[in-house]
Amino acid sequence: MLLISGTAGGTDLTGTLYERGERSPSFKGAPDDDAPYIWVCDAFYEVESGGQTTEIGGRELNVAFESPMPHGFETRETAIDAAEEHIRTQFARVGLDPGEVEITVAQAEPEAQ
């Protein structure tokens, strides 16, 4: 399992990439188990009212979150590329330059059995 994170504007966003052979999410809308790589991450966007008030990039704004939408991929490279694009897109949705997002990919610690 990989944790793929993006940092920009004083905040960060992290999603999970489940790799071949790992137990992937099974909630409503999750891709079927045949996809060898499954990406799950929150999505957010700026709203005029409601949402959660936060400071991003030196601005106070209201942010609303969408339910995580898992996506299945056939190759690890394609999954990581899509994850990075997803993260950059979320920051762009709140007015930050997607090119300024620092992306990190880290192996997750194994879960305790």
C-alpha atoms as a PDB file:
ATOM      1  CA  MET A   1       0.000   0.000   0.000  1.00  0.00           C
ATOM      2  CA  LEU A   2       1.336   3.402  -0.988  1.00  0.00           C
ATOM      3  CA  LEU A   3       0.446   6.735   0.565  1.00  0.00           C
ATOM      4  CA  ILE A   4       0.563   9.464  -2.058  1.00  0.00           C
ATOM      5  CA  SER A   5       0.528  12.996  -0.666  1.00  0.00           C
ATOM      6  CA  GLY A   6       0.509  16.505  -2.006  1.00  0.00           C
ATOM      7  CA  THR A   7       1.506  19.615  -0.084  1.00  0.00           C
ATOM      8  CA  ALA A   8       0.834  23.229  -1.056  1.00  0.00           C
ATOM      9  CA  GLY A   9      -0.492  26.410   0.494  1.00  0.00           C
ATOM     10  CA  GLY A  10       0.196  25.231   4.037  1.00  0.00           C
ATOM     11  CA  THR A  11      -1.964  22.113   3.828  1.00  0.00           C
ATOM     12  CA  ASP A  12      -1.752  18.601   2.474  1.00  0.00           C
ATOM     13  CA  LEU A  13      -3.877  15.833   1.023  1.00  0.00           C
ATOM     14  CA  THR A  14      -3.073  12.120   1.188  1.00  0.00           C
ATOM     15  CA  GLY A  15      -4.699   9.217  -0.619  1.00  0.00           C
ATOM     16  CA  THR A  16      -4.068   5.487  -0.583  1.00  0.00           C
ATOM     17  CA  LEU A  17      -3.023   3.287  -3.479  1.00  0.00           C
ATOM     18  CA  TYR A  18      -3.821  -0.364  -2.804  1.00  0.00           C
ATOM     19  CA  GLU A  19      -1.476  -2.590  -4.749  1.00  0.00           C
ATOM     20  CA  ARG A  20      -1.847  -6.025  -6.291  1.00  0.00           C
ATOM     21  CA  GLY A  21      -2.680  -8.636  -3.665  1.00  0.00           C
ATOM     22  CA  GLU A  22      -3.681  -6.142  -0.965  1.00  0.00           C
ATOM     23  CA  ARG A  23      -7.159  -5.944   0.486  1.00  0.00           C
ATOM     24  CA  SER A  24      -8.848  -3.058  -1.307  1.00  0.00           C
ATOM     25  CA  PRO A  25     -11.843  -1.066  -0.052  1.00  0.00           C
ATOM     26  CA  SER A  26     -15.230  -2.736  -0.344  1.00  0.00           C
ATOM     27  CA  PHE A  27     -17.637   0.164   0.206  1.00  0.00           C
ATOM     28  CA  LYS A  28     -20.357   1.195  -2.251  1.00  0.00           C
ATOM     29  CA  GLY A  29     -18.824   2.393  -5.507  1.00  0.00           C
ATOM     30  CA  ALA A  30     -15.467   0.676  -5.010  1.00  0.00           C
ATOM     31  CA  PRO A  31     -14.051  -0.924  -8.153  1.00  0.00           C
ATOM     32  CA  ASP A  32     -14.340  -4.687  -8.330  1.00  0.00           C
ATOM     33  CA  ASP A  33     -11.514  -6.782  -6.970  1.00  0.00           C
ATOM     34  CA  ASP A  34     -10.225  -7.538 -10.468  1.00  0.00           C
ATOM     35  CA  ALA A  35      -8.406  -4.170 -10.657  1.00  0.00           C
ATOM     36  CA  PRO A  36      -4.834  -4.778  -9.482  1.00  0.00           C
ATOM     37  CA  TYR A  37      -4.302  -1.165  -8.307  1.00  0.00           C
ATOM     38  CA  ILE A  38      -6.967   0.896  -6.568  1.00  0.00           C
ATOM     39  CA  TRP A  39      -6.643   4.599  -5.725  1.00  0.00           C
ATOM     40  CA  VAL A  40      -8.836   6.136  -2.995  1.00  0.00           C
ATOM     41  CA  CYS A  41      -8.648   9.797  -2.007  1.00  0.00           C
ATOM     42  CA  ASP A  42     -10.899  12.616  -0.859  1.00  0.00           C
ATOM     43  CA  ALA A  43     -11.910  15.342  -3.240  1.00  0.00           C
ATOM     44  CA  PHE A  44     -12.598  18.905  -2.152  1.00  0.00           C
ATOM     45  CA  TYR A  45     -13.529  22.251  -3.613  1.00  0.00           C
ATOM     46  CA  GLU A  46     -14.156  25.831  -2.531  1.00  0.00           C
ATOM     47  CA  VAL A  47     -17.725  26.910  -1.716  1.00  0.00           C
ATOM     48  CA  GLU A  48     -19.117  30.369  -0.955  1.00  0.00           C
ATOM     49  CA  SER A  49     -20.886  29.270   2.212  1.00  0.00           C
ATOM     50  CA  GLY A  50     -21.062  26.176   4.371  1.00  0.00           C
ATOM     51  CA  GLY A  51     -18.366  23.570   4.258  1.00  0.00           C
ATOM     52  CA  GLN A  52     -15.366  23.713   6.547  1.00  0.00           C
ATOM     53  CA  THR A  53     -13.546  27.008   7.081  1.00  0.00           C
ATOM     54  CA  THR A  54      -9.805  26.647   6.629  1.00  0.00           C
ATOM     55  CA  GLU A  55      -6.766  28.652   5.587  1.00  0.00           C
ATOM     56  CA  ILE A  56      -5.024  27.566   2.409  1.00  0.00           C
ATOM     57  CA  GLY A  57      -2.406  29.605   0.606  1.00  0.00           C
ATOM     58  CA  GLY A  58      -2.845  32.538   2.981  1.00  0.00           C
ATOM     59  CA  ARG A  59      -6.591  32.782   2.289  1.00  0.00           C
ATOM     60  CA  GLU A  60      -9.446  31.824   4.562  1.00  0.00           C
ATOM     61  CA  LEU A  61     -11.988  29.876   2.553  1.00  0.00           C
ATOM     62  CA  ASN A  62     -14.833  27.406   2.894  1.00  0.00           C
ATOM     63  CA  VAL A  63     -14.096  23.934   1.616  1.00  0.00           C
ATOM     64  CA  ALA A  64     -16.596  21.162   0.932  1.00  0.00           C
ATOM     65  CA  PHE A  65     -15.571  17.512   0.637  1.00  0.00           C
ATOM     66  CA  GLU A  66     -16.912  14.874  -1.730  1.00  0.00           C
ATOM     67  CA  SER A  67     -17.072  11.198  -0.863  1.00  0.00           C
ATOM     68  CA  PRO A  68     -13.907   9.352  -1.866  1.00  0.00           C
ATOM     69  CA  MET A  69     -14.293   7.878  -5.315  1.00  0.00           C
ATOM     70  CA  PRO A  70     -12.068   4.830  -5.789  1.00  0.00           C
ATOM     71  CA  HIS A  71     -10.565   4.190  -9.189  1.00  0.00           C
ATOM     72  CA  GLY A  72      -9.075   0.948 -10.497  1.00  0.00           C
ATOM     73  CA  PHE A  73      -5.981   0.754 -12.713  1.00  0.00           C
ATOM     74  CA  GLU A  74      -4.145  -1.997 -14.552  1.00  0.00           C
ATOM     75  CA  THR A  75      -0.571  -0.798 -13.923  1.00  0.00           C
ATOM     76  CA  ARG A  76       1.239   0.733 -10.971  1.00  0.00           C
ATOM     77  CA  GLU A  77       2.659   3.548 -13.118  1.00  0.00           C
ATOM     78  CA  THR A  78      -0.770   4.528 -14.457  1.00  0.00           C
ATOM     79  CA  ALA A  79      -2.217   4.465 -10.944  1.00  0.00           C
ATOM     80  CA  ILE A  80       0.530   6.688  -9.518  1.00  0.00           C
ATOM     81  CA  ASP A  81       0.233   9.139 -12.425  1.00  0.00           C
ATOM     82  CA  ALA A  82      -3.542   9.349 -11.919  1.00  0.00           C
ATOM     83  CA  ALA A  83      -3.102   9.793  -8.153  1.00  0.00           C
ATOM     84  CA  GLU A  84      -0.679  12.662  -8.645  1.00  0.00           C
ATOM     85  CA  GLU A  85      -3.032  14.311 -11.147  1.00  0.00           C
ATOM     86  CA  HIS A  86      -5.972  13.881  -8.751  1.00  0.00           C
ATOM     87  CA  ILE A  87      -4.062  15.569  -5.937  1.00  0.00           C
ATOM     88  CA  ARG A  88      -2.906  18.474  -8.141  1.00  0.00           C
ATOM     89  CA  THR A  89      -6.493  18.945  -9.346  1.00  0.00           C
ATOM     90  CA  GLN A  90      -7.809  19.241  -5.777  1.00  0.00           C
ATOM     91  CA  PHE A  91      -5.373  22.050  -5.013  1.00  0.00           C
ATOM     92  CA  ALA A  92      -6.280  23.805  -8.276  1.00  0.00           C
ATOM     93  CA  ARG A  93      -9.958  23.646  -7.225  1.00  0.00           C
ATOM     94  CA  VAL A  94      -9.129  25.889  -4.241  1.00  0.00           C
ATOM     95  CA  GLY A  95      -7.100  28.380  -6.282  1.00  0.00           C
ATOM     96  CA  LEU A  96      -3.548  27.053  -5.928  1.00  0.00           C
ATOM     97  CA  ASP A  97      -1.151  26.482  -8.805  1.00  0.00           C
ATOM     98  CA  PRO A  98      -1.066  22.709  -9.415  1.00  0.00           C
ATOM     99  CA  GLY A  99       2.566  23.042 -10.514  1.00  0.00           C
ATOM    100  CA  GLU A 100       3.464  24.190  -7.001  1.00  0.00           C
ATOM    101  CA  VAL A 101       2.130  21.022  -5.337  1.00  0.00           C
ATOM    102  CA  GLU A 102       4.916  18.904  -3.850  1.00  0.00           C
ATOM    103  CA  ILE A 103       4.090  15.210  -4.296  1.00  0.00           C
ATOM    104  CA  THR A 104       5.515  12.419  -2.155  1.00  0.00           C
ATOM    105  CA  VAL A 105       5.025   8.657  -2.481  1.00  0.00           C
ATOM    106  CA  ALA A 106       5.700   6.508   0.569  1.00  0.00           C
ATOM    107  CA  GLN A 107       5.232   2.855   1.423  1.00  0.00           C
ATOM    108  CA  ALA A 108       2.621   2.553   4.191  1.00  0.00           C
ATOM    109  CA  GLU A 109       3.537   0.772   7.390  1.00  0.00           C
ATOM    110  CA  PRO A 110       2.045  -2.749   7.512  1.00  0.00           C
ATOM    111  CA  GLU A 111      -1.157  -2.961   9.552  1.00  0.00           C
ATOM    112  CA  ALA A 112      -1.075  -4.884  12.803  1.00  0.00           C
ATOM    113  CA  GLN A 113      -2.711  -8.271  12.466  1.00  0.00           C
END
